[in-house]
Amino acid sequence: MTSVGRLVLAQLKSIGSRNACLPAGRLPGGPWAARGGRTYRTGASGSTSGAITRARQMRSVTSVRAYQEVGRADLFLQVIPFASPEDARAAVDELRSLPRTMRQSKGLSDIGEPRTVSAPEVAGTTHVAAAEQPFVLDGAHSRSLTLWCVAGSTVVVAALGGRAEVVRWPDLASIVEAQVAALG
């Protein structure tokens, strides 16, 4: 096998890793339907921070999955393994500073600025940061709630969006708790 063939095989083994995000049927609430997911080498975006560099060196694979609770809410989960709990905590600040975009949708307007809020308790985590972002969807006041949580050496990012009256912090916290428990 050529060196290029070995490189491609190594990348497929790493990138083709099992998606660590929960399947839709194991999420609290719902019923949820998976709307896509993927895995990729951590740090593929080109960050050169120490935490990302060490994650790349250990061949960390980031898992992402999107879900929908029809007529009620959209959910996004991301699971990112790091080399140490210290790296995971440092990565939360870097992840929070990344630009956040909302998927373009007919009826989406008046997207407000994200603001940091007090984080809810999330069992199984050692560090939690939270943000809320208002928007209008089909004329209804809506919001997106986001949690960045450290569980051991892993960061779990979760965002729940929908009409303001049905998107609640306890619901998002229970989803993250289920994801963290599944990581073992």
N, C-alpha and C. Protein backbone atom coordinates (compact mmCIF):
# COMPACT_ATOMS: atom_id res chain seq x y z
N MET A 1 0.86 -1.18 0.00
CA MET A 1 0.00 0.00 0.00
C MET A 1 0.90 1.23 0.00
N THR A 2 0.54 2.21 -0.79
CA THR A 2 1.33 3.45 -0.88
C THR A 2 1.13 4.28 0.38
N SER A 3 2.00 5.27 0.57
CA SER A 3 1.87 6.15 1.75
C SER A 3 0.57 6.95 1.67
N VAL A 4 0.16 7.33 0.46
CA VAL A 4 -1.10 8.06 0.30
C VAL A 4 -2.27 7.14 0.70
N GLY A 5 -2.22 5.89 0.28
CA GLY A 5 -3.28 4.93 0.64
C GLY A 5 -3.36 4.73 2.14
N ARG A 6 -2.22 4.65 2.82
CA ARG A 6 -2.22 4.50 4.28
C ARG A 6 -2.79 5.73 4.95
N LEU A 7 -2.47 6.93 4.41
CA LEU A 7 -3.00 8.17 4.97
C LEU A 7 -4.51 8.21 4.84
N VAL A 8 -5.03 7.88 3.66
CA VAL A 8 -6.47 7.88 3.45
C VAL A 8 -7.14 6.87 4.39
N LEU A 9 -6.58 5.68 4.52
CA LEU A 9 -7.14 4.66 5.41
C LEU A 9 -7.14 5.15 6.86
N ALA A 10 -6.06 5.77 7.29
CA ALA A 10 -6.00 6.31 8.66
C ALA A 10 -7.05 7.38 8.88
N GLN A 11 -7.24 8.25 7.88
CA GLN A 11 -8.25 9.30 8.02
C GLN A 11 -9.65 8.70 8.06
N LEU A 12 -9.92 7.70 7.24
CA LEU A 12 -11.24 7.07 7.26
C LEU A 12 -11.52 6.40 8.60
N LYS A 13 -10.50 5.74 9.15
CA LYS A 13 -10.69 5.11 10.46
C LYS A 13 -10.99 6.16 11.52
N SER A 14 -10.30 7.29 11.47
CA SER A 14 -10.50 8.34 12.46
C SER A 14 -11.80 9.08 12.23
N ILE A 15 -11.99 9.58 11.01
CA ILE A 15 -13.16 10.39 10.71
C ILE A 15 -14.43 9.55 10.70
N GLY A 16 -14.32 8.30 10.29
CA GLY A 16 -15.49 7.44 10.22
C GLY A 16 -15.92 6.90 11.56
N SER A 17 -15.40 7.45 12.64
CA SER A 17 -15.74 6.98 13.97
C SER A 17 -17.24 7.10 14.24
N ARG A 18 -17.71 6.30 15.15
CA ARG A 18 -19.11 6.32 15.55
C ARG A 18 -19.47 7.70 16.09
N ASN A 19 -20.64 8.19 15.73
CA ASN A 19 -21.11 9.47 16.23
C ASN A 19 -21.47 9.30 17.70
N ALA A 20 -20.84 10.09 18.56
CA ALA A 20 -21.04 9.98 20.01
C ALA A 20 -22.32 10.65 20.50
N CYS A 21 -23.00 11.39 19.63
CA CYS A 21 -24.24 12.06 20.03
C CYS A 21 -25.36 11.02 20.16
N LEU A 22 -26.24 11.26 21.10
CA LEU A 22 -27.34 10.34 21.33
C LEU A 22 -28.22 10.16 20.10
N PRO A 23 -28.71 8.93 19.89
CA PRO A 23 -29.73 8.77 18.84
C PRO A 23 -31.02 9.46 19.29
N ALA A 24 -31.85 9.84 18.34
CA ALA A 24 -33.07 10.61 18.65
C ALA A 24 -33.95 9.91 19.68
N GLY A 25 -34.07 8.61 19.61
CA GLY A 25 -34.94 7.86 20.51
C GLY A 25 -34.50 7.86 21.96
N ARG A 26 -33.26 8.25 22.23
CA ARG A 26 -32.75 8.26 23.61
C ARG A 26 -32.74 9.65 24.23
N LEU A 27 -33.22 10.65 23.50
CA LEU A 27 -33.28 12.01 24.03
C LEU A 27 -34.52 12.18 24.92
N PRO A 28 -34.37 12.85 26.06
CA PRO A 28 -35.55 13.15 26.88
C PRO A 28 -36.50 14.09 26.13
N GLY A 29 -37.77 14.05 26.50
CA GLY A 29 -38.76 14.90 25.84
C GLY A 29 -39.13 14.29 24.50
N GLY A 30 -39.49 15.14 23.60
CA GLY A 30 -39.73 14.66 22.25
C GLY A 30 -41.17 14.25 22.00
N PRO A 31 -41.40 13.52 20.97
CA PRO A 31 -40.45 12.69 20.21
C PRO A 31 -39.56 13.54 19.29
N TRP A 32 -38.28 13.16 19.27
CA TRP A 32 -37.29 13.83 18.44
C TRP A 32 -37.03 13.01 17.18
N ALA A 33 -36.70 13.70 16.09
CA ALA A 33 -36.27 13.05 14.86
C ALA A 33 -34.88 13.60 14.51
N ALA A 34 -33.95 12.71 14.19
CA ALA A 34 -32.62 13.15 13.78
C ALA A 34 -32.71 13.80 12.41
N ARG A 35 -32.03 14.91 12.25
CA ARG A 35 -32.05 15.65 10.98
C ARG A 35 -30.67 15.72 10.35
N GLY A 36 -29.82 14.81 10.72
CA GLY A 36 -28.48 14.77 10.13
C GLY A 36 -27.42 14.79 11.21
N GLY A 37 -26.28 14.28 10.86
CA GLY A 37 -25.16 14.27 11.79
C GLY A 37 -23.90 13.90 11.04
N ARG A 38 -22.78 14.16 11.67
CA ARG A 38 -21.50 13.81 11.07
C ARG A 38 -20.43 13.79 12.12
N THR A 39 -19.28 13.24 11.74
CA THR A 39 -18.09 13.28 12.58
C THR A 39 -16.96 13.86 11.74
N TYR A 40 -16.03 14.50 12.42
CA TYR A 40 -14.86 15.04 11.73
C TYR A 40 -13.73 15.19 12.73
N ARG A 41 -12.52 15.26 12.21
CA ARG A 41 -11.35 15.42 13.06
C ARG A 41 -11.47 16.73 13.83
N THR A 42 -11.31 16.68 15.13
CA THR A 42 -11.35 17.89 15.95
C THR A 42 -10.26 18.83 15.48
N GLY A 43 -10.62 20.10 15.36
CA GLY A 43 -9.66 21.10 14.92
C GLY A 43 -9.61 21.28 13.42
N ALA A 44 -10.52 20.66 12.70
CA ALA A 44 -10.52 20.77 11.24
C ALA A 44 -10.70 22.21 10.77
N SER A 45 -11.23 23.06 11.63
CA SER A 45 -11.44 24.46 11.25
C SER A 45 -10.14 25.24 11.21
N GLY A 46 -9.05 24.66 11.70
CA GLY A 46 -7.76 25.32 11.60
C GLY A 46 -7.29 26.04 12.85
N SER A 47 -8.02 25.92 13.96
CA SER A 47 -7.59 26.57 15.19
C SER A 47 -6.21 26.05 15.59
N THR A 48 -5.40 26.92 16.15
CA THR A 48 -4.06 26.52 16.58
C THR A 48 -3.89 26.64 18.09
N SER A 49 -4.99 26.72 18.82
CA SER A 49 -4.87 26.81 20.28
C SER A 49 -4.24 25.52 20.82
N GLY A 50 -3.65 25.62 21.99
CA GLY A 50 -3.01 24.46 22.61
C GLY A 50 -3.97 23.31 22.82
N ALA A 51 -5.17 23.61 23.29
CA ALA A 51 -6.16 22.55 23.55
C ALA A 51 -6.54 21.83 22.26
N ILE A 52 -6.76 22.57 21.19
CA ILE A 52 -7.13 21.97 19.90
C ILE A 52 -5.95 21.19 19.33
N THR A 53 -4.74 21.73 19.44
CA THR A 53 -3.56 21.04 18.93
C THR A 53 -3.39 19.70 19.63
N ARG A 54 -3.54 19.67 20.96
CA ARG A 54 -3.40 18.41 21.69
C ARG A 54 -4.54 17.44 21.34
N ALA A 55 -5.75 17.96 21.11
CA ALA A 55 -6.86 17.10 20.69
C ALA A 55 -6.56 16.47 19.33
N ARG A 56 -6.02 17.27 18.41
CA ARG A 56 -5.65 16.73 17.09
C ARG A 56 -4.58 15.65 17.23
N GLN A 57 -3.61 15.88 18.11
CA GLN A 57 -2.53 14.91 18.30
C GLN A 57 -3.06 13.57 18.81
N MET A 58 -4.11 13.60 19.61
CA MET A 58 -4.68 12.34 20.13
C MET A 58 -5.74 11.76 19.19
N ARG A 59 -5.88 12.39 18.00
CA ARG A 59 -6.83 11.94 16.97
C ARG A 59 -8.29 12.03 17.44
N SER A 60 -8.59 13.10 18.15
CA SER A 60 -9.94 13.34 18.63
C SER A 60 -10.90 13.50 17.45
N VAL A 61 -12.09 12.96 17.59
CA VAL A 61 -13.13 13.07 16.58
C VAL A 61 -14.34 13.78 17.20
N THR A 62 -14.75 14.87 16.58
CA THR A 62 -15.92 15.64 17.02
C THR A 62 -17.17 15.04 16.39
N SER A 63 -18.22 14.89 17.19
CA SER A 63 -19.51 14.38 16.71
C SER A 63 -20.54 15.50 16.76
N VAL A 64 -21.36 15.58 15.72
CA VAL A 64 -22.40 16.60 15.63
C VAL A 64 -23.69 15.92 15.17
N ARG A 65 -24.80 16.32 15.76
CA ARG A 65 -26.09 15.81 15.30
C ARG A 65 -27.15 16.88 15.52
N ALA A 66 -28.06 16.99 14.56
CA ALA A 66 -29.20 17.92 14.65
C ALA A 66 -30.47 17.10 14.79
N TYR A 67 -31.44 17.65 15.50
CA TYR A 67 -32.71 16.97 15.75
C TYR A 67 -33.84 17.97 15.62
N GLN A 68 -35.04 17.44 15.44
CA GLN A 68 -36.21 18.30 15.41
C GLN A 68 -37.34 17.61 16.17
N GLU A 69 -38.01 18.40 16.99
CA GLU A 69 -39.24 17.97 17.64
C GLU A 69 -40.33 18.70 16.86
N VAL A 70 -40.97 18.01 15.93
CA VAL A 70 -41.83 18.63 14.93
C VAL A 70 -42.84 19.59 15.56
N GLY A 71 -42.85 20.81 14.99
CA GLY A 71 -43.78 21.83 15.44
C GLY A 71 -43.44 22.46 16.77
N ARG A 72 -42.29 22.10 17.34
CA ARG A 72 -41.99 22.61 18.68
C ARG A 72 -40.58 23.18 18.82
N ALA A 73 -39.56 22.41 18.48
CA ALA A 73 -38.20 22.87 18.75
C ALA A 73 -37.18 22.19 17.84
N ASP A 74 -36.02 22.84 17.73
CA ASP A 74 -34.86 22.27 17.04
C ASP A 74 -33.75 22.13 18.08
N LEU A 75 -32.94 21.08 17.93
CA LEU A 75 -31.86 20.79 18.87
C LEU A 75 -30.60 20.49 18.09
N PHE A 76 -29.47 20.96 18.62
CA PHE A 76 -28.16 20.70 18.05
C PHE A 76 -27.28 20.19 19.17
N LEU A 77 -26.60 19.06 18.96
CA LEU A 77 -25.65 18.52 19.94
C LEU A 77 -24.28 18.38 19.29
N GLN A 78 -23.24 18.67 20.07
CA GLN A 78 -21.87 18.50 19.61
C GLN A 78 -21.07 17.92 20.77
N VAL A 79 -20.30 16.88 20.51
CA VAL A 79 -19.47 16.22 21.52
C VAL A 79 -18.02 16.28 21.04
N ILE A 80 -17.16 16.90 21.87
CA ILE A 80 -15.78 17.14 21.47
C ILE A 80 -14.83 16.61 22.55
N PRO A 81 -14.11 15.52 22.28
CA PRO A 81 -13.13 15.00 23.25
C PRO A 81 -11.83 15.81 23.21
N PHE A 82 -11.29 16.10 24.38
CA PHE A 82 -10.01 16.80 24.51
C PHE A 82 -9.02 15.93 25.26
N ALA A 83 -7.77 16.37 25.29
CA ALA A 83 -6.71 15.59 25.91
C ALA A 83 -6.78 15.57 27.43
N SER A 84 -7.40 16.59 28.04
CA SER A 84 -7.46 16.66 29.50
C SER A 84 -8.66 17.52 29.92
N PRO A 85 -9.06 17.40 31.20
CA PRO A 85 -10.14 18.28 31.68
C PRO A 85 -9.76 19.76 31.59
N GLU A 86 -8.48 20.07 31.80
CA GLU A 86 -8.04 21.46 31.71
C GLU A 86 -8.18 21.98 30.27
N ASP A 87 -7.83 21.14 29.30
CA ASP A 87 -8.00 21.53 27.90
C ASP A 87 -9.48 21.71 27.56
N ALA A 88 -10.32 20.84 28.08
CA ALA A 88 -11.77 20.94 27.81
C ALA A 88 -12.30 22.27 28.35
N ARG A 89 -11.90 22.61 29.56
CA ARG A 89 -12.39 23.87 30.16
C ARG A 89 -11.88 25.07 29.36
N ALA A 90 -10.61 25.03 28.96
CA ALA A 90 -10.05 26.13 28.16
C ALA A 90 -10.76 26.23 26.82
N ALA A 91 -11.14 25.10 26.24
CA ALA A 91 -11.80 25.10 24.94
C ALA A 91 -13.19 25.73 25.00
N VAL A 92 -13.84 25.68 26.15
CA VAL A 92 -15.17 26.28 26.26
C VAL A 92 -15.11 27.77 25.89
N ASP A 93 -14.11 28.48 26.40
CA ASP A 93 -13.99 29.91 26.07
C ASP A 93 -13.78 30.11 24.58
N GLU A 94 -12.95 29.27 23.97
CA GLU A 94 -12.71 29.39 22.53
C GLU A 94 -13.99 29.08 21.75
N LEU A 95 -14.70 28.03 22.14
CA LEU A 95 -15.94 27.66 21.45
C LEU A 95 -17.01 28.74 21.60
N ARG A 96 -17.09 29.34 22.77
CA ARG A 96 -18.09 30.40 22.99
C ARG A 96 -17.80 31.63 22.15
N SER A 97 -16.55 31.86 21.80
CA SER A 97 -16.20 33.06 21.03
C SER A 97 -16.42 32.88 19.53
N LEU A 98 -16.67 31.65 19.09
CA LEU A 98 -16.91 31.43 17.65
C LEU A 98 -18.21 32.09 17.24
N PRO A 99 -18.26 32.59 16.02
CA PRO A 99 -19.52 33.20 15.55
C PRO A 99 -20.62 32.14 15.50
N ARG A 100 -21.80 32.54 15.93
CA ARG A 100 -22.95 31.64 15.91
C ARG A 100 -23.90 32.11 14.83
N THR A 101 -24.36 31.17 14.03
CA THR A 101 -25.30 31.52 12.97
C THR A 101 -26.57 30.70 13.15
N MET A 102 -27.65 31.26 12.70
CA MET A 102 -28.92 30.55 12.72
C MET A 102 -29.21 30.12 11.29
N ARG A 103 -29.68 28.89 11.15
CA ARG A 103 -30.04 28.37 9.84
C ARG A 103 -31.11 29.27 9.23
N GLN A 104 -30.91 29.66 7.99
CA GLN A 104 -31.89 30.52 7.33
C GLN A 104 -33.19 29.76 7.14
N SER A 105 -34.26 30.39 7.48
CA SER A 105 -35.57 29.77 7.40
C SER A 105 -36.59 30.83 7.01
N LYS A 106 -37.54 30.43 6.22
CA LYS A 106 -38.61 31.35 5.86
C LYS A 106 -39.33 31.74 7.14
N GLY A 107 -39.57 33.01 7.32
CA GLY A 107 -40.27 33.48 8.52
C GLY A 107 -39.35 33.87 9.66
N LEU A 108 -38.03 33.72 9.50
CA LEU A 108 -37.06 34.07 10.54
C LEU A 108 -36.69 35.54 10.40
N SER A 109 -36.82 36.29 11.52
CA SER A 109 -36.47 37.71 11.49
C SER A 109 -36.07 38.19 12.87
N ASP A 110 -35.66 39.42 12.94
CA ASP A 110 -35.33 40.09 14.20
C ASP A 110 -34.43 39.23 15.10
N ILE A 111 -33.32 38.78 14.55
CA ILE A 111 -32.38 37.96 15.32
C ILE A 111 -31.60 38.88 16.23
N GLY A 112 -31.74 38.68 17.53
CA GLY A 112 -31.04 39.49 18.52
C GLY A 112 -29.63 38.99 18.77
N GLU A 113 -28.90 39.75 19.55
CA GLU A 113 -27.54 39.36 19.92
C GLU A 113 -27.59 38.31 21.02
N PRO A 114 -26.69 37.32 20.96
CA PRO A 114 -26.62 36.36 22.07
C PRO A 114 -26.14 37.07 23.33
N ARG A 115 -26.68 36.67 24.48
CA ARG A 115 -26.22 37.25 25.74
C ARG A 115 -25.94 36.13 26.74
N THR A 116 -24.90 36.33 27.50
CA THR A 116 -24.54 35.37 28.53
C THR A 116 -25.57 35.42 29.64
N VAL A 117 -25.98 34.26 30.13
CA VAL A 117 -26.95 34.16 31.22
C VAL A 117 -26.40 33.20 32.27
N SER A 118 -27.02 33.20 33.44
CA SER A 118 -26.63 32.25 34.49
C SER A 118 -26.94 30.84 34.02
N ALA A 119 -25.96 29.98 34.16
CA ALA A 119 -26.12 28.60 33.69
C ALA A 119 -26.92 27.77 34.68
N PRO A 120 -27.78 26.89 34.18
CA PRO A 120 -28.49 25.98 35.07
C PRO A 120 -27.54 24.88 35.57
N GLU A 121 -27.95 24.20 36.61
CA GLU A 121 -27.19 23.04 37.09
C GLU A 121 -27.32 21.92 36.06
N VAL A 122 -26.21 21.27 35.74
CA VAL A 122 -26.22 20.15 34.82
C VAL A 122 -25.43 19.02 35.48
N ALA A 123 -26.14 17.98 35.94
CA ALA A 123 -25.50 16.85 36.63
C ALA A 123 -24.46 16.19 35.74
N GLY A 124 -23.34 15.80 36.34
CA GLY A 124 -22.28 15.11 35.61
C GLY A 124 -21.27 16.03 34.95
N THR A 125 -21.43 17.34 35.15
CA THR A 125 -20.49 18.28 34.55
C THR A 125 -19.74 19.05 35.63
N THR A 126 -18.58 19.58 35.25
CA THR A 126 -17.76 20.34 36.20
C THR A 126 -17.71 21.82 35.88
N HIS A 127 -18.14 22.18 34.69
CA HIS A 127 -18.14 23.59 34.28
C HIS A 127 -19.24 23.77 33.25
N VAL A 128 -20.06 24.82 33.42
CA VAL A 128 -21.17 25.07 32.49
C VAL A 128 -21.22 26.57 32.19
N ALA A 129 -21.35 26.91 30.92
CA ALA A 129 -21.59 28.29 30.49
C ALA A 129 -22.87 28.28 29.66
N ALA A 130 -23.58 29.42 29.67
CA ALA A 130 -24.87 29.47 28.99
C ALA A 130 -25.08 30.80 28.29
N ALA A 131 -25.86 30.77 27.20
CA ALA A 131 -26.23 31.98 26.47
C ALA A 131 -27.64 31.81 25.92
N GLU A 132 -28.28 32.95 25.71
CA GLU A 132 -29.63 32.98 25.17
C GLU A 132 -29.66 33.99 24.03
N GLN A 133 -30.40 33.67 22.97
CA GLN A 133 -30.51 34.56 21.83
C GLN A 133 -31.96 34.64 21.37
N PRO A 134 -32.55 35.85 21.38
CA PRO A 134 -33.94 35.98 20.93
C PRO A 134 -34.02 36.10 19.40
N PHE A 135 -35.15 35.69 18.86
CA PHE A 135 -35.44 35.88 17.44
C PHE A 135 -36.95 35.78 17.25
N VAL A 136 -37.41 36.14 16.08
CA VAL A 136 -38.83 36.03 15.74
C VAL A 136 -38.95 35.00 14.63
N LEU A 137 -39.84 34.03 14.79
CA LEU A 137 -40.08 33.02 13.77
C LEU A 137 -41.57 32.98 13.49
N ASP A 138 -41.93 33.25 12.26
CA ASP A 138 -43.33 33.29 11.84
C ASP A 138 -44.16 34.19 12.74
N GLY A 139 -43.58 35.32 13.13
CA GLY A 139 -44.29 36.30 13.95
C GLY A 139 -44.33 36.00 15.42
N ALA A 140 -43.78 34.88 15.86
CA ALA A 140 -43.81 34.51 17.28
C ALA A 140 -42.45 34.74 17.93
N HIS A 141 -42.47 35.26 19.16
CA HIS A 141 -41.23 35.44 19.91
C HIS A 141 -40.63 34.06 20.20
N SER A 142 -39.37 33.92 19.82
CA SER A 142 -38.68 32.65 19.97
C SER A 142 -37.31 32.90 20.57
N ARG A 143 -36.62 31.82 20.92
CA ARG A 143 -35.27 31.98 21.47
C ARG A 143 -34.48 30.71 21.28
N SER A 144 -33.18 30.88 21.32
CA SER A 144 -32.24 29.77 21.27
C SER A 144 -31.47 29.79 22.59
N LEU A 145 -31.43 28.63 23.24
CA LEU A 145 -30.68 28.47 24.48
C LEU A 145 -29.46 27.59 24.19
N THR A 146 -28.29 28.00 24.65
CA THR A 146 -27.08 27.23 24.38
C THR A 146 -26.33 26.96 25.67
N LEU A 147 -25.87 25.71 25.81
CA LEU A 147 -25.02 25.30 26.93
C LEU A 147 -23.70 24.76 26.41
N TRP A 148 -22.61 25.15 27.06
CA TRP A 148 -21.28 24.60 26.83
C TRP A 148 -20.90 23.93 28.14
N CYS A 149 -20.75 22.62 28.15
CA CYS A 149 -20.52 21.88 29.40
C CYS A 149 -19.26 21.02 29.30
N VAL A 150 -18.52 20.97 30.41
CA VAL A 150 -17.34 20.11 30.51
C VAL A 150 -17.70 18.90 31.36
N ALA A 151 -17.47 17.72 30.79
CA ALA A 151 -17.68 16.46 31.50
C ALA A 151 -16.39 15.65 31.34
N GLY A 152 -15.57 15.63 32.38
CA GLY A 152 -14.26 14.97 32.27
C GLY A 152 -13.40 15.73 31.28
N SER A 153 -12.96 15.04 30.23
CA SER A 153 -12.13 15.66 29.19
C SER A 153 -12.94 16.00 27.94
N THR A 154 -14.25 15.99 28.05
CA THR A 154 -15.12 16.19 26.90
C THR A 154 -15.94 17.46 27.07
N VAL A 155 -16.14 18.18 25.96
CA VAL A 155 -17.05 19.32 25.95
C VAL A 155 -18.31 18.88 25.20
N VAL A 156 -19.47 19.15 25.80
CA VAL A 156 -20.75 18.93 25.14
C VAL A 156 -21.37 20.31 24.92
N VAL A 157 -21.69 20.61 23.67
CA VAL A 157 -22.37 21.85 23.32
C VAL A 157 -23.78 21.46 22.89
N ALA A 158 -24.77 22.14 23.44
CA ALA A 158 -26.16 21.86 23.09
C ALA A 158 -26.91 23.16 22.91
N ALA A 159 -27.69 23.25 21.84
CA ALA A 159 -28.50 24.43 21.58
C ALA A 159 -29.93 23.98 21.28
N LEU A 160 -30.87 24.60 21.95
CA LEU A 160 -32.29 24.30 21.79
C LEU A 160 -33.00 25.57 21.37
N GLY A 161 -33.70 25.52 20.25
CA GLY A 161 -34.37 26.71 19.75
C GLY A 161 -35.82 26.44 19.41
N GLY A 162 -36.64 27.46 19.63
CA GLY A 162 -38.06 27.36 19.30
C GLY A 162 -38.82 28.50 19.95
N ARG A 163 -40.13 28.38 19.96
CA ARG A 163 -40.98 29.42 20.56
C ARG A 163 -40.60 29.61 22.03
N ALA A 164 -40.54 30.86 22.44
CA ALA A 164 -40.04 31.21 23.77
C ALA A 164 -40.78 30.48 24.89
N GLU A 165 -42.07 30.25 24.72
CA GLU A 165 -42.84 29.64 25.81
C GLU A 165 -42.61 28.13 25.95
N VAL A 166 -42.01 27.48 24.95
CA VAL A 166 -41.80 26.03 25.03
C VAL A 166 -40.33 25.62 25.16
N VAL A 167 -39.42 26.55 24.93
CA VAL A 167 -37.98 26.25 25.04
C VAL A 167 -37.53 26.66 26.44
N ARG A 168 -37.19 25.65 27.25
CA ARG A 168 -36.87 25.90 28.67
C ARG A 168 -35.50 25.33 29.05
N TRP A 169 -34.85 26.03 29.97
CA TRP A 169 -33.54 25.59 30.46
C TRP A 169 -33.57 24.20 31.08
N PRO A 170 -34.56 23.84 31.91
CA PRO A 170 -34.56 22.48 32.49
C PRO A 170 -34.62 21.39 31.41
N ASP A 171 -35.32 21.65 30.31
CA ASP A 171 -35.38 20.67 29.23
C ASP A 171 -34.00 20.48 28.59
N LEU A 172 -33.31 21.59 28.33
CA LEU A 172 -31.98 21.51 27.73
C LEU A 172 -31.00 20.86 28.70
N ALA A 173 -31.08 21.20 29.97
CA ALA A 173 -30.19 20.58 30.97
C ALA A 173 -30.40 19.07 31.02
N SER A 174 -31.64 18.61 30.95
CA SER A 174 -31.89 17.16 31.01
C SER A 174 -31.36 16.46 29.76
N ILE A 175 -31.41 17.12 28.62
CA ILE A 175 -30.85 16.55 27.39
C ILE A 175 -29.33 16.41 27.53
N VAL A 176 -28.67 17.45 28.03
CA VAL A 176 -27.21 17.38 28.22
C VAL A 176 -26.86 16.32 29.25
N GLU A 177 -27.63 16.22 30.33
CA GLU A 177 -27.39 15.19 31.35
C GLU A 177 -27.46 13.80 30.73
N ALA A 178 -28.44 13.56 29.85
CA ALA A 178 -28.55 12.26 29.19
C ALA A 178 -27.35 12.02 28.27
N GLN A 179 -26.90 13.06 27.56
CA GLN A 179 -25.75 12.93 26.68
C GLN A 179 -24.48 12.62 27.49
N VAL A 180 -24.30 13.33 28.58
CA VAL A 180 -23.12 13.10 29.43
C VAL A 180 -23.14 11.69 30.00
N ALA A 181 -24.30 11.23 30.47
CA ALA A 181 -24.41 9.87 31.02
C ALA A 181 -24.07 8.83 29.95
N ALA A 182 -24.46 9.07 28.72
CA ALA A 182 -24.17 8.12 27.63
C ALA A 182 -22.67 8.04 27.30
N LEU A 183 -21.94 9.10 27.62
CA LEU A 183 -20.50 9.11 27.37
C LEU A 183 -19.76 8.19 28.32
N GLY A 184 -20.41 7.92 29.47
CA GLY A 184 -19.83 7.00 30.45
C GLY A 184 -18.75 7.61 31.18
